[in-house]
Amino acid sequence: MPKEKLRLAEQPNDARVDQALGIFANLSELEVTPASQVAAREILSCVPVRRPKPNEFVMVSPENVLTTIVFEDRDEGEIYFVTPEIRPHMIAGTATKMLSLTINQIGSAFIWPVPVDDEFSRKNT
């Protein structure tokens, strides 16, 4: 019996050998080197909108800011982006904010809504 297996393996174009070996037919394809390993990266799916904490150091990039209109639900502590189509229908609760992409000292990203000076609000020093 071992001689038959040896003869079977000696025939390189035999379909039975390829079928029996399956994914192990070409071991060089299965070999992994440190350079060929798959890298993983984090994809943000939910970014919180909040102010920085008093003991938090943050970094803000001037290229990653958007000045826009938001709706502030003070009861729930939520801030909503107001699309241009809805702005004429909003009566109260809207404010102009500069939304800044911010990263803290441990690398967590969040959006910081910074009030913008206008003629109707207090001056933001």
C-alpha atoms as a PDB file:
ATOM      1  CA  MET A   1       0.000   0.000   0.000  1.00  0.00           C
ATOM      2  CA  PRO A   2       2.732   2.577   0.752  1.00  0.00           C
ATOM      3  CA  LYS A   3       4.240   1.924  -2.699  1.00  0.00           C
ATOM      4  CA  GLU A   4       0.932   2.899  -4.373  1.00  0.00           C
ATOM      5  CA  LYS A   5       0.857   6.213  -2.476  1.00  0.00           C
ATOM      6  CA  LEU A   6       4.431   6.881  -3.520  1.00  0.00           C
ATOM      7  CA  ARG A   7       3.654   6.166  -7.166  1.00  0.00           C
ATOM      8  CA  LEU A   8       0.564   8.384  -6.942  1.00  0.00           C
ATOM      9  CA  ALA A   9       2.617  11.293  -5.650  1.00  0.00           C
ATOM     10  CA  GLU A  10       5.236  10.841  -8.380  1.00  0.00           C
ATOM     11  CA  GLN A  11       2.695  11.613 -11.109  1.00  0.00           C
ATOM     12  CA  PRO A  12       2.464  15.424 -11.099  1.00  0.00           C
ATOM     13  CA  ASN A  13      -0.507  15.791 -13.486  1.00  0.00           C
ATOM     14  CA  ASP A  14      -2.803  13.284 -11.794  1.00  0.00           C
ATOM     15  CA  ALA A  15      -6.164  14.905 -10.898  1.00  0.00           C
ATOM     16  CA  ARG A  16      -6.616  12.489  -7.987  1.00  0.00           C
ATOM     17  CA  VAL A  17      -3.454  13.826  -6.337  1.00  0.00           C
ATOM     18  CA  ASP A  18      -4.544  17.429  -6.787  1.00  0.00           C
ATOM     19  CA  GLN A  19      -7.955  16.640  -5.346  1.00  0.00           C
ATOM     20  CA  ALA A  20      -6.483  14.774  -2.379  1.00  0.00           C
ATOM     21  CA  LEU A  21      -4.021  17.558  -1.582  1.00  0.00           C
ATOM     22  CA  GLY A  22      -6.626  20.334  -1.881  1.00  0.00           C
ATOM     23  CA  ILE A  23      -5.277  23.639  -0.593  1.00  0.00           C
ATOM     24  CA  PHE A  24      -2.013  21.954   0.418  1.00  0.00           C
ATOM     25  CA  ALA A  25      -0.998  21.277  -3.203  1.00  0.00           C
ATOM     26  CA  ASN A  26       1.134  24.441  -3.289  1.00  0.00           C
ATOM     27  CA  LEU A  27       2.708  25.043   0.105  1.00  0.00           C
ATOM     28  CA  SER A  28       4.535  28.192  -1.029  1.00  0.00           C
ATOM     29  CA  GLU A  29       1.165  29.990  -1.356  1.00  0.00           C
ATOM     30  CA  LEU A  30       0.363  29.203   2.287  1.00  0.00           C
ATOM     31  CA  GLU A  31       3.665  30.464   3.650  1.00  0.00           C
ATOM     32  CA  VAL A  32       3.423  33.684   5.686  1.00  0.00           C
ATOM     33  CA  THR A  33       6.228  36.184   6.115  1.00  0.00           C
ATOM     34  CA  PRO A  34       6.128  39.290   8.330  1.00  0.00           C
ATOM     35  CA  ALA A  35       6.038  41.524   5.235  1.00  0.00           C
ATOM     36  CA  SER A  36       3.052  39.695   3.711  1.00  0.00           C
ATOM     37  CA  GLN A  37       0.773  39.701   6.743  1.00  0.00           C
ATOM     38  CA  VAL A  38      -2.528  41.521   6.526  1.00  0.00           C
ATOM     39  CA  ALA A  39      -2.626  44.800   8.414  1.00  0.00           C
ATOM     40  CA  ALA A  40      -5.679  45.968  10.302  1.00  0.00           C
ATOM     41  CA  ARG A  41      -6.830  49.529  10.751  1.00  0.00           C
ATOM     42  CA  GLU A  42      -9.574  51.079  12.790  1.00  0.00           C
ATOM     43  CA  ILE A  43     -12.564  52.490  10.953  1.00  0.00           C
ATOM     44  CA  LEU A  44     -14.589  55.029  12.861  1.00  0.00           C
ATOM     45  CA  SER A  45     -18.285  54.308  12.621  1.00  0.00           C
ATOM     46  CA  CYS A  46     -19.500  56.588  15.396  1.00  0.00           C
ATOM     47  CA  VAL A  47     -17.769  59.798  16.467  1.00  0.00           C
ATOM     48  CA  PRO A  48     -19.073  61.458  19.645  1.00  0.00           C
ATOM     49  CA  VAL A  49     -19.891  65.176  19.684  1.00  0.00           C
ATOM     50  CA  ARG A  50     -18.797  66.764  22.959  1.00  0.00           C
ATOM     51  CA  ARG A  51     -16.612  69.344  24.642  1.00  0.00           C
ATOM     52  CA  PRO A  52     -13.168  68.332  25.931  1.00  0.00           C
ATOM     53  CA  LYS A  53     -13.013  67.329  29.581  1.00  0.00           C
ATOM     54  CA  PRO A  54     -11.159  69.714  31.958  1.00  0.00           C
ATOM     55  CA  ASN A  55      -8.233  67.288  32.394  1.00  0.00           C
ATOM     56  CA  GLU A  56      -7.997  66.362  28.698  1.00  0.00           C
ATOM     57  CA  PHE A  57      -5.301  67.578  26.316  1.00  0.00           C
ATOM     58  CA  VAL A  58      -6.518  67.822  22.732  1.00  0.00           C
ATOM     59  CA  MET A  59      -5.187  68.519  19.263  1.00  0.00           C
ATOM     60  CA  VAL A  60      -7.279  70.337  16.659  1.00  0.00           C
ATOM     61  CA  SER A  61      -6.299  70.640  13.008  1.00  0.00           C
ATOM     62  CA  PRO A  62      -7.454  73.844  11.261  1.00  0.00           C
ATOM     63  CA  GLU A  63      -8.088  71.862   8.059  1.00  0.00           C
ATOM     64  CA  ASN A  64     -10.685  69.639   9.753  1.00  0.00           C
ATOM     65  CA  VAL A  65     -13.314  72.216  10.743  1.00  0.00           C
ATOM     66  CA  LEU A  66     -16.812  72.943   9.451  1.00  0.00           C
ATOM     67  CA  THR A  67     -18.836  76.004  10.417  1.00  0.00           C
ATOM     68  CA  THR A  68     -22.519  75.146  10.158  1.00  0.00           C
ATOM     69  CA  ILE A  69     -25.930  75.266  11.834  1.00  0.00           C
ATOM     70  CA  VAL A  70     -26.764  72.684  14.529  1.00  0.00           C
ATOM     71  CA  PHE A  71     -29.805  72.001  16.691  1.00  0.00           C
ATOM     72  CA  GLU A  72     -29.103  71.657  20.404  1.00  0.00           C
ATOM     73  CA  ASP A  73     -31.518  69.535  22.448  1.00  0.00           C
ATOM     74  CA  ARG A  74     -30.590  70.812  25.897  1.00  0.00           C
ATOM     75  CA  ASP A  75     -32.975  68.405  27.675  1.00  0.00           C
ATOM     76  CA  GLU A  76     -31.281  65.312  26.247  1.00  0.00           C
ATOM     77  CA  GLY A  77     -27.820  66.852  25.817  1.00  0.00           C
ATOM     78  CA  GLU A  78     -27.779  65.977  22.111  1.00  0.00           C
ATOM     79  CA  ILE A  79     -26.528  68.022  19.154  1.00  0.00           C
ATOM     80  CA  TYR A  80     -27.909  67.447  15.648  1.00  0.00           C
ATOM     81  CA  PHE A  81     -26.577  68.592  12.285  1.00  0.00           C
ATOM     82  CA  VAL A  82     -29.168  70.663  10.385  1.00  0.00           C
ATOM     83  CA  THR A  83     -29.160  70.100   6.635  1.00  0.00           C
ATOM     84  CA  PRO A  84     -29.546  73.120   4.314  1.00  0.00           C
ATOM     85  CA  GLU A  85     -33.024  71.954   3.210  1.00  0.00           C
ATOM     86  CA  ILE A  86     -34.345  72.002   6.803  1.00  0.00           C
ATOM     87  CA  ARG A  87     -32.793  75.319   7.950  1.00  0.00           C
ATOM     88  CA  PRO A  88     -35.682  77.557   6.769  1.00  0.00           C
ATOM     89  CA  HIS A  89     -38.160  75.418   8.740  1.00  0.00           C
ATOM     90  CA  MET A  90     -36.283  75.542  12.057  1.00  0.00           C
ATOM     91  CA  ILE A  91     -37.798  78.136  14.386  1.00  0.00           C
ATOM     92  CA  ALA A  92     -35.744  77.875  17.564  1.00  0.00           C
ATOM     93  CA  GLY A  93     -32.925  75.899  19.123  1.00  0.00           C
ATOM     94  CA  THR A  94     -30.433  76.346  16.308  1.00  0.00           C
ATOM     95  CA  ALA A  95     -26.978  77.807  16.710  1.00  0.00           C
ATOM     96  CA  THR A  96     -23.967  78.417  14.519  1.00  0.00           C
ATOM     97  CA  LYS A  97     -21.091  76.169  15.590  1.00  0.00           C
ATOM     98  CA  MET A  98     -17.652  75.394  14.303  1.00  0.00           C
ATOM     99  CA  LEU A  99     -17.387  71.590  14.331  1.00  0.00           C
ATOM    100  CA  SER A 100     -13.740  70.684  14.895  1.00  0.00           C
ATOM    101  CA  LEU A 101     -12.356  67.183  14.552  1.00  0.00           C
ATOM    102  CA  THR A 102     -10.409  66.757  17.793  1.00  0.00           C
ATOM    103  CA  ILE A 103      -8.070  64.031  19.041  1.00  0.00           C
ATOM    104  CA  ASN A 104      -7.183  63.623  22.709  1.00  0.00           C
ATOM    105  CA  GLN A 105      -3.956  62.368  24.293  1.00  0.00           C
ATOM    106  CA  ILE A 106      -4.946  58.694  24.024  1.00  0.00           C
ATOM    107  CA  GLY A 107      -5.886  58.963  20.336  1.00  0.00           C
ATOM    108  CA  SER A 108      -9.687  59.007  20.674  1.00  0.00           C
ATOM    109  CA  ALA A 109     -11.410  61.212  18.121  1.00  0.00           C
ATOM    110  CA  PHE A 110     -14.446  63.356  18.806  1.00  0.00           C
ATOM    111  CA  ILE A 111     -16.120  66.438  17.333  1.00  0.00           C
ATOM    112  CA  TRP A 112     -15.936  69.598  19.410  1.00  0.00           C
ATOM    113  CA  PRO A 113     -18.804  72.050  18.721  1.00  0.00           C
ATOM    114  CA  VAL A 114     -17.251  75.501  19.275  1.00  0.00           C
ATOM    115  CA  PRO A 115     -19.686  78.446  19.394  1.00  0.00           C
ATOM    116  CA  VAL A 116     -19.187  81.054  16.678  1.00  0.00           C
ATOM    117  CA  ASP A 117     -19.574  84.772  17.302  1.00  0.00           C
ATOM    118  CA  ASP A 118     -22.521  86.409  15.611  1.00  0.00           C
ATOM    119  CA  GLU A 119     -24.604  89.527  16.217  1.00  0.00           C
ATOM    120  CA  PHE A 120     -27.206  87.652  18.302  1.00  0.00           C
ATOM    121  CA  SER A 121     -24.982  85.746  20.760  1.00  0.00           C
ATOM    122  CA  ARG A 122     -22.412  86.485  23.418  1.00  0.00           C
ATOM    123  CA  LYS A 123     -18.810  86.894  22.361  1.00  0.00           C
ATOM    124  CA  ASN A 124     -16.755  83.683  22.679  1.00  0.00           C
ATOM    125  CA  THR A 125     -13.388  84.587  24.133  1.00  0.00           C
END
